Amino acid sequence: MNEHESIRAKLLQAAAGLLDSEETRQVEHHVHGCEACRQELHNWSFYTERLRQLPQSSAPAGLVERTQARILREYAPSAPHQRNDLMLGALALLGWITSLAAWVVLSALTGGVLNLAGVNLLDALTWFAISTVLAWVTAGAAAVILRSHGMSRRVS
């Protein structure tokens, strides 16, 4: 982009008074010697001046306060639900971590022995796996039920 195109791109901003002093000086220097840019700057100045004379719309009185009050009214009741959701998530995570920790402890206690105190380790691991999966499914079902119950209370 050459200097003429660069200045021409700034003419609207110059007419609106949006340029800094250095850019304004560059535009003024250029339009002093360029008839086409001088005419375009004159046209843009005419338009911006007429736009400034148009009535300016304003927001109704109290709109900001009413909007803030409505936001607080609609979203404040959801804060306890968010805490409940966080608590439910934390409890589910605690249950899963406890279950996994029990797996680690059982593995460490058995030391890889297949028969511990007359109990077949494979039977014990099978029972433990089934009970863990059932605990996880129960926790998940409880989470879904509590979540849907919470949503139905918010709607009503």
Foldseek 3Di string as FASTA:
>chain_A
DDLVVVLLVCLLVLLLVNDDPVNVVSNVVVCVPDVVSVVVSVVSNVVNVVVVPDDDDDDDPCPVVVVVVVCCVLCVVCVVVVVVLVVLVVVLVVLLVVLVVVVVVVCVVCVPPQADPNDGVVVVVVVSVVVSVVVNVVSVVVSVVVVVVVVVVSVD
